Amino acid sequence: MLKTSHWPLLDWLRFFAALLVVLDHARQFTFGSYQDLDPHAKGTVAAVLIFATMRFGKHGVLIFFVLSGYLVGGLATKRFLEGRFDPRGYALDRAARIFVPLIPAIALCSVLQIWLGIPIRFQDPVSAMLGLPTGALLSDVPLWSLRYEMWFYVFHGAVLSLLLPSRGVRIIAFGFLMASLVAFSFLALQYLFCWYLGVLSFLTNTGLASRRSGFAGAAIALAFLTMSQAFARSSFLGPMTILGATGFSAGCLLLLPQLANRDLSSPRLVRLGGGLAAFSYSLYLIHYPVLLVLGRYLPPVHRIDFANCALLAGRVAIAMLAGYVFYLAFETHIGRVRSWLRSGWHRTERVETAS
């Protein structure tokens, strides 16, 4: 199994996946659909370039899923195989990672939705917070994928915990496993399969074998990524067909080792990739409500010229700036919250032991 370390190219992939989603939504808020364009704008080089390169938000989400399986599921499984898996530490780490940025994002989006006059129900923010498929915040449509991430973590942690010798841990894990199975009965199960393709990619990455077959592996991955387009429906929440989603994810499975086993020669690119990846979660959480507010004052246009392309670039830049500010305000405190949760848990354990 590959030794774990820092993977600079995976940092770049993580940011690239978030950027795909931002570009897709920014294009929609700026130009609407291709059918909305003026007749003379359709078929132009600019229109083809924009609508051909800024329509891969759905694929960015799938990259997130597979990459999450690789980094989170793969590392957790590695620790389990080495006898170092700690269910409590895993749960606290995952909870801090998800909820420290998510809670303020949901609060902000709820206030924004009320301000915009978009109907909101009590269960919408609660469902978004708990990962329940019973409501959605229309002010932040991309939050749907976060409920999948939550249940990926719960399911995998429960499966690993059930294999531990502690009876008390197994009883609790069984309850969480049942809860996750109920949740996935309402969700698209193929995305769990895609996540586990990421886990498989991590576990089968020996480093040496991937380097030997680097060119062939990358070529096969590219073929998978390309062919999967033929099976993709226009609506992702349709969702993509199982064959399309798993085909794309299989391509990611083959591509991830190629990226993980290679280092960047430029320290500046390493630092830049790490910095961009650091705020990619915040960017994903906050870009849609920012674009929604901008859309209130800047309605869609139907001509593609320099001014409107600059408008598109401005939306992207503002969304990225907002994501970075949100990252500084909240996501940078994840480590502190994680340490606080761990120390609080240890204090509770000491009190229980003393009593």
Protein backbone atom coordinates (compact mmCIF):
# COMPACT_ATOMS: atom_id res chain seq x y z
CA MET A 1 0.00 0.00 0.00
CA LEU A 2 1.21 3.50 -0.81
CA LYS A 3 2.78 5.42 2.05
CA THR A 4 0.73 8.47 2.89
CA SER A 5 2.19 11.94 2.54
CA HIS A 6 1.23 15.26 1.08
CA TRP A 7 -0.07 14.97 -2.49
CA PRO A 8 0.34 18.36 -4.25
CA LEU A 9 -1.45 17.32 -7.44
CA LEU A 10 -4.46 16.12 -5.45
CA ASP A 11 -4.62 19.60 -3.92
CA TRP A 12 -4.88 21.02 -7.41
CA LEU A 13 -7.53 18.44 -8.33
CA ARG A 14 -9.55 19.35 -5.25
CA PHE A 15 -9.58 23.02 -6.20
CA PHE A 16 -10.22 22.18 -9.86
CA ALA A 17 -13.34 20.20 -8.88
CA ALA A 18 -14.70 23.17 -6.90
CA LEU A 19 -13.85 25.51 -9.78
CA LEU A 20 -15.80 23.33 -12.24
CA VAL A 21 -18.91 23.77 -10.09
CA VAL A 22 -18.40 27.53 -9.71
CA LEU A 23 -17.86 28.03 -13.46
CA ASP A 24 -20.97 26.02 -14.31
CA HIS A 25 -23.18 28.06 -11.97
CA ALA A 26 -21.59 31.38 -12.93
CA ARG A 27 -22.26 30.61 -16.60
CA GLN A 28 -25.89 29.77 -15.81
CA PHE A 29 -26.40 33.00 -13.85
CA THR A 30 -24.72 35.05 -16.60
CA PHE A 31 -26.05 33.55 -19.83
CA GLY A 32 -28.77 31.11 -18.76
CA SER A 33 -29.05 28.14 -21.10
CA TYR A 34 -27.78 27.92 -24.65
CA GLN A 35 -31.38 28.23 -25.89
CA ASP A 36 -31.63 31.61 -24.14
CA LEU A 37 -28.94 33.18 -26.32
CA ASP A 38 -29.80 35.54 -29.13
CA PRO A 39 -30.00 33.68 -32.46
CA HIS A 40 -26.95 35.47 -33.84
CA ALA A 41 -24.90 34.49 -30.77
CA LYS A 42 -25.55 30.76 -31.17
CA GLY A 43 -22.89 28.85 -33.05
CA THR A 44 -20.21 31.50 -32.56
CA VAL A 45 -16.77 30.47 -31.37
CA ALA A 46 -17.23 32.31 -28.08
CA ALA A 47 -20.57 30.61 -27.38
CA VAL A 48 -19.19 27.17 -28.18
CA LEU A 49 -16.15 27.71 -25.95
CA ILE A 50 -18.16 29.03 -23.01
CA PHE A 51 -20.91 26.42 -23.11
CA ALA A 52 -18.50 23.57 -23.89
CA THR A 53 -16.01 24.33 -21.09
CA MET A 54 -18.33 25.65 -18.36
CA ARG A 55 -20.85 22.83 -18.10
CA PHE A 56 -18.98 20.31 -15.96
CA GLY A 57 -20.28 21.14 -12.50
CA LYS A 58 -21.87 17.70 -12.23
CA HIS A 59 -18.51 16.10 -12.94
CA GLY A 60 -16.83 18.31 -10.37
CA VAL A 61 -19.17 16.85 -7.74
CA LEU A 62 -18.27 13.31 -8.80
CA ILE A 63 -14.57 14.19 -8.56
CA PHE A 64 -15.27 15.40 -5.01
CA PHE A 65 -16.95 12.10 -4.17
CA VAL A 66 -14.15 9.92 -5.51
CA LEU A 67 -11.45 12.16 -4.04
CA SER A 68 -13.23 12.07 -0.66
CA GLY A 69 -13.28 8.28 -0.81
CA TYR A 70 -9.58 8.29 -1.60
CA LEU A 71 -8.49 10.74 1.09
CA VAL A 72 -11.01 10.06 3.88
CA GLY A 73 -12.16 6.48 3.33
CA GLY A 74 -8.78 5.27 2.14
CA LEU A 75 -6.85 6.74 5.06
CA ALA A 76 -9.42 5.48 7.60
CA THR A 77 -9.22 1.98 6.12
CA LYS A 78 -5.42 2.10 6.18
CA ARG A 79 -5.49 2.99 9.87
CA PHE A 80 -7.93 0.15 10.50
CA LEU A 81 -5.68 -2.38 8.75
CA GLU A 82 -2.76 -1.13 10.83
CA GLY A 83 -4.77 -1.42 14.07
CA ARG A 84 -4.85 2.34 14.59
CA PHE A 85 -8.49 3.16 13.77
CA ASP A 86 -10.17 5.16 16.54
CA PRO A 87 -13.96 5.43 16.03
CA ARG A 88 -14.31 8.36 18.43
CA GLY A 89 -11.45 10.28 16.86
CA TYR A 90 -12.81 9.54 13.39
CA ALA A 91 -16.29 10.79 14.35
CA LEU A 92 -14.99 13.97 15.99
CA ASP A 93 -12.64 14.75 13.11
CA ARG A 94 -15.34 14.27 10.49
CA ALA A 95 -17.91 16.25 12.48
CA ALA A 96 -15.53 19.20 12.88
CA ARG A 97 -14.55 19.09 9.21
CA ILE A 98 -18.14 19.11 7.98
CA PHE A 99 -19.99 21.27 10.49
CA VAL A 100 -17.62 24.12 11.38
CA PRO A 101 -18.09 25.72 7.93
CA LEU A 102 -21.51 24.17 7.22
CA ILE A 103 -23.41 25.58 10.22
CA PRO A 104 -22.61 29.25 9.47
CA ALA A 105 -23.20 28.62 5.77
CA ILE A 106 -26.69 27.26 6.44
CA ALA A 107 -27.46 30.14 8.82
CA LEU A 108 -26.30 32.67 6.23
CA CYS A 109 -28.26 31.00 3.43
CA SER A 110 -31.43 30.84 5.53
CA VAL A 111 -31.28 34.57 6.26
CA LEU A 112 -30.48 35.26 2.61
CA GLN A 113 -33.39 33.15 1.41
CA ILE A 114 -35.79 35.07 3.64
CA TRP A 115 -34.32 38.38 2.45
CA LEU A 116 -34.71 37.34 -1.20
CA GLY A 117 -38.33 36.43 -0.60
CA ILE A 118 -37.81 32.77 -1.46
CA PRO A 119 -40.18 30.53 0.54
CA ILE A 120 -38.43 28.63 3.31
CA ARG A 121 -39.71 25.96 5.65
CA PHE A 122 -38.37 25.11 9.09
CA GLN A 123 -37.30 21.66 7.92
CA ASP A 124 -35.16 23.02 5.09
CA PRO A 125 -32.18 24.26 7.17
CA VAL A 126 -32.66 21.40 9.65
CA SER A 127 -32.55 18.84 6.83
CA ALA A 128 -29.45 20.48 5.37
CA MET A 129 -27.79 20.38 8.79
CA LEU A 130 -28.59 16.73 9.50
CA GLY A 131 -28.21 15.41 5.98
CA LEU A 132 -31.88 14.45 5.70
CA PRO A 133 -33.54 14.10 2.27
CA THR A 134 -36.69 15.93 3.42
CA GLY A 135 -35.98 19.47 2.32
CA ALA A 136 -33.54 21.77 0.57
CA LEU A 137 -32.32 25.34 0.83
CA LEU A 138 -33.06 26.96 -2.51
CA SER A 139 -30.51 29.65 -1.69
CA ASP A 140 -27.71 27.04 -1.80
CA VAL A 141 -28.62 24.25 -4.19
CA PRO A 142 -25.12 22.59 -4.07
CA LEU A 143 -25.72 21.62 -0.43
CA TRP A 144 -27.45 18.46 -1.71
CA SER A 145 -24.04 16.80 -2.12
CA LEU A 146 -23.13 17.48 1.52
CA ARG A 147 -25.82 15.10 2.72
CA TYR A 148 -24.11 12.40 0.68
CA GLU A 149 -20.73 13.22 2.20
CA MET A 150 -22.20 13.00 5.71
CA TRP A 151 -23.68 9.56 5.10
CA PHE A 152 -20.55 8.33 3.33
CA TYR A 153 -18.63 9.11 6.51
CA VAL A 154 -21.26 7.58 8.79
CA PHE A 155 -21.57 4.39 6.75
CA HIS A 156 -17.83 3.80 6.39
CA GLY A 157 -17.08 4.61 10.03
CA ALA A 158 -19.85 2.24 11.13
CA VAL A 159 -18.58 -0.58 8.91
CA LEU A 160 -15.02 -0.27 10.25
CA SER A 161 -16.24 0.03 13.85
CA LEU A 162 -18.34 -3.14 13.54
CA LEU A 163 -15.10 -5.03 12.90
CA LEU A 164 -13.51 -3.85 16.15
CA PRO A 165 -13.41 -6.14 19.22
CA SER A 166 -15.20 -3.75 21.61
CA ARG A 167 -18.82 -4.86 22.08
CA GLY A 168 -19.97 -1.39 23.16
CA VAL A 169 -18.48 0.18 20.03
CA ARG A 170 -20.10 -2.47 17.83
CA ILE A 171 -23.55 -1.83 19.31
CA ILE A 172 -23.29 1.91 18.64
CA ALA A 173 -21.84 1.27 15.19
CA PHE A 174 -24.73 -1.03 14.32
CA GLY A 175 -27.18 1.76 15.13
CA PHE A 176 -25.33 4.19 12.87
CA LEU A 177 -25.13 1.57 10.14
CA MET A 178 -28.90 1.09 10.25
CA ALA A 179 -29.41 4.87 10.14
CA SER A 180 -27.16 5.19 7.10
CA LEU A 181 -28.95 2.34 5.31
CA VAL A 182 -32.27 4.10 5.90
CA ALA A 183 -30.77 7.34 4.58
CA PHE A 184 -29.44 5.67 1.44
CA SER A 185 -32.84 4.18 0.76
CA PHE A 186 -33.87 7.78 -0.05
CA LEU A 187 -30.62 8.73 -1.79
CA ALA A 188 -28.96 7.66 -5.04
CA LEU A 189 -26.96 4.58 -4.05
CA GLN A 190 -24.63 4.79 -7.05
CA TYR A 191 -22.83 7.71 -5.43
CA LEU A 192 -21.85 5.51 -2.49
CA PHE A 193 -20.37 3.12 -5.04
CA CYS A 194 -18.47 6.02 -6.61
CA TRP A 195 -17.12 6.99 -3.19
CA TYR A 196 -15.89 3.46 -2.61
CA LEU A 197 -14.13 3.53 -5.95
CA GLY A 198 -12.00 6.23 -4.36
CA VAL A 199 -11.33 3.97 -1.36
CA LEU A 200 -10.36 1.16 -3.74
CA SER A 201 -8.05 3.48 -5.65
CA PHE A 202 -6.21 4.31 -2.42
CA LEU A 203 -5.91 0.71 -1.23
CA THR A 204 -4.62 -0.58 -4.56
CA ASN A 205 -2.13 2.24 -5.11
CA THR A 206 1.28 0.72 -4.43
CA GLY A 207 3.18 3.64 -5.91
CA LEU A 208 5.64 1.56 -7.90
CA ALA A 209 3.05 -0.23 -10.03
CA SER A 210 1.30 3.04 -10.81
CA ARG A 211 4.52 4.67 -11.95
CA ARG A 212 5.32 1.77 -14.26
CA SER A 213 1.95 2.04 -15.96
CA GLY A 214 1.63 5.80 -15.69
CA PHE A 215 1.06 6.58 -19.37
CA ALA A 216 -1.25 3.61 -19.98
CA GLY A 217 -3.23 4.31 -16.79
CA ALA A 218 -3.69 7.96 -17.68
CA ALA A 219 -4.78 7.03 -21.23
CA ILE A 220 -7.35 4.53 -19.93
CA ALA A 221 -8.59 7.07 -17.38
CA LEU A 222 -9.03 9.65 -20.12
CA ALA A 223 -10.98 7.12 -22.20
CA PHE A 224 -13.29 6.39 -19.26
CA LEU A 225 -13.83 10.09 -18.62
CA THR A 226 -14.61 10.73 -22.27
CA MET A 227 -16.90 7.75 -22.86
CA SER A 228 -18.94 8.48 -19.76
CA GLN A 229 -20.16 11.69 -21.42
CA ALA A 230 -22.31 9.61 -23.74
CA PHE A 231 -24.30 8.31 -20.79
CA ALA A 232 -24.76 11.60 -18.94
CA ARG A 233 -28.26 13.06 -18.80
CA SER A 234 -28.76 16.78 -19.03
CA SER A 235 -30.05 16.93 -15.44
CA PHE A 236 -27.62 15.73 -12.78
CA LEU A 237 -30.33 15.33 -10.18
CA GLY A 238 -32.06 13.16 -12.78
CA PRO A 239 -29.43 11.83 -11.94
CA MET A 240 -26.74 10.84 -14.43
CA THR A 241 -27.30 7.25 -15.40
CA ILE A 242 -25.60 4.68 -13.20
CA LEU A 243 -23.35 3.76 -16.11
CA GLY A 244 -22.36 7.36 -16.72
CA ALA A 245 -21.65 8.17 -13.07
CA THR A 246 -19.71 4.98 -12.41
CA GLY A 247 -17.86 5.26 -15.73
CA PHE A 248 -16.68 8.75 -14.87
CA SER A 249 -15.77 7.64 -11.33
CA ALA A 250 -13.86 4.65 -12.69
CA GLY A 251 -11.84 7.08 -14.77
CA CYS A 252 -11.10 9.07 -11.60
CA LEU A 253 -10.11 5.81 -9.87
CA LEU A 254 -7.44 5.22 -12.51
CA LEU A 255 -6.37 8.86 -12.59
CA LEU A 256 -5.92 9.47 -8.85
CA PRO A 257 -2.84 7.23 -8.41
CA GLN A 258 -1.17 8.97 -11.35
CA LEU A 259 -1.58 12.28 -9.53
CA ALA A 260 -0.82 10.97 -6.04
CA ASN A 261 2.46 9.34 -7.09
CA ARG A 262 3.94 12.45 -8.65
CA ASP A 263 5.38 15.53 -7.01
CA LEU A 264 5.52 19.07 -8.33
CA SER A 265 9.02 20.35 -8.95
CA SER A 266 8.06 23.94 -8.16
CA PRO A 267 7.65 24.77 -4.44
CA ARG A 268 5.56 27.78 -5.46
CA LEU A 269 3.06 25.55 -7.27
CA VAL A 270 2.96 23.26 -4.24
CA ARG A 271 2.18 26.17 -1.92
CA LEU A 272 -0.33 27.69 -4.33
CA GLY A 273 -2.15 24.38 -4.80
CA GLY A 274 -2.27 23.84 -1.07
CA GLY A 275 -3.67 27.31 -0.51
CA LEU A 276 -6.33 26.94 -3.19
CA ALA A 277 -7.35 23.50 -1.93
CA ALA A 278 -7.59 24.82 1.63
CA PHE A 279 -10.55 27.07 0.84
CA SER A 280 -12.21 24.86 -1.81
CA TYR A 281 -14.82 23.56 0.68
CA SER A 282 -15.77 27.10 1.69
CA LEU A 283 -15.88 28.11 -1.96
CA TYR A 284 -18.21 25.22 -2.72
CA LEU A 285 -20.49 26.11 0.21
CA ILE A 286 -20.79 29.82 -0.38
CA HIS A 287 -20.43 30.48 -4.11
CA TYR A 288 -24.06 29.77 -5.02
CA PRO A 289 -25.69 32.22 -2.55
CA VAL A 290 -23.17 34.85 -3.66
CA LEU A 291 -24.08 34.28 -7.31
CA LEU A 292 -27.75 34.34 -6.34
CA VAL A 293 -27.40 37.80 -4.76
CA LEU A 294 -25.44 39.06 -7.76
CA GLY A 295 -28.15 37.68 -10.01
CA ARG A 296 -30.72 39.83 -8.24
CA TYR A 297 -28.95 42.95 -9.48
CA LEU A 298 -27.32 41.56 -12.64
CA PRO A 299 -29.91 39.59 -14.62
CA PRO A 300 -28.85 37.11 -17.34
CA VAL A 301 -27.71 38.49 -20.67
CA HIS A 302 -28.26 36.96 -24.09
CA ARG A 303 -25.34 38.30 -26.09
CA ILE A 304 -21.75 37.10 -25.87
CA ASP A 305 -19.39 40.03 -26.17
CA PHE A 306 -16.39 41.37 -24.28
CA ALA A 307 -18.47 43.21 -21.67
CA ASN A 308 -20.63 40.18 -20.87
CA CYS A 309 -17.62 37.87 -20.74
CA ALA A 310 -16.05 40.33 -18.30
CA LEU A 311 -19.29 40.16 -16.32
CA LEU A 312 -18.95 36.38 -16.17
CA ALA A 313 -15.33 36.65 -15.02
CA GLY A 314 -16.37 39.20 -12.40
CA ARG A 315 -18.99 36.85 -10.96
CA VAL A 316 -16.40 34.09 -10.68
CA ALA A 317 -13.87 36.42 -9.05
CA ILE A 318 -16.39 37.74 -6.51
CA ALA A 319 -17.52 34.20 -5.66
CA MET A 320 -13.90 33.12 -5.12
CA LEU A 321 -13.17 36.17 -2.96
CA ALA A 322 -16.28 35.49 -0.87
CA GLY A 323 -15.24 31.84 -0.51
CA TYR A 324 -11.80 32.88 0.72
CA VAL A 325 -13.23 35.37 3.23
CA PHE A 326 -15.64 32.70 4.47
CA TYR A 327 -12.68 30.30 4.78
CA LEU A 328 -10.75 32.79 6.91
CA ALA A 329 -13.78 33.45 9.10
CA PHE A 330 -14.77 29.84 9.77
CA GLU A 331 -12.87 27.01 8.09
CA THR A 332 -9.51 28.06 9.51
CA HIS A 333 -10.88 27.24 12.98
CA ILE A 334 -11.51 23.55 12.23
CA GLY A 335 -8.26 22.45 13.89
CA ARG A 336 -9.05 24.43 17.01
CA VAL A 337 -12.59 23.02 17.24
CA ARG A 338 -11.28 19.51 16.64
CA SER A 339 -8.78 19.87 19.49
CA TRP A 340 -11.50 21.29 21.74
CA LEU A 341 -13.82 18.37 20.97
CA ARG A 342 -11.09 15.83 21.64
CA SER A 343 -10.05 17.45 24.91
CA GLY A 344 -13.70 17.67 25.99
CA TRP A 345 -14.19 13.98 25.22
CA HIS A 346 -11.08 13.05 27.21
CA ARG A 347 -12.27 15.14 30.18
CA THR A 348 -15.60 13.33 30.10
CA GLU A 349 -13.84 9.97 30.03
CA ARG A 350 -11.69 10.91 33.04
CA VAL A 351 -14.75 11.99 35.03
CA GLU A 352 -16.58 8.76 34.20
CA THR A 353 -13.52 6.68 35.14
CA ALA A 354 -13.09 8.52 38.44
CA SER A 355 -16.74 8.05 39.38
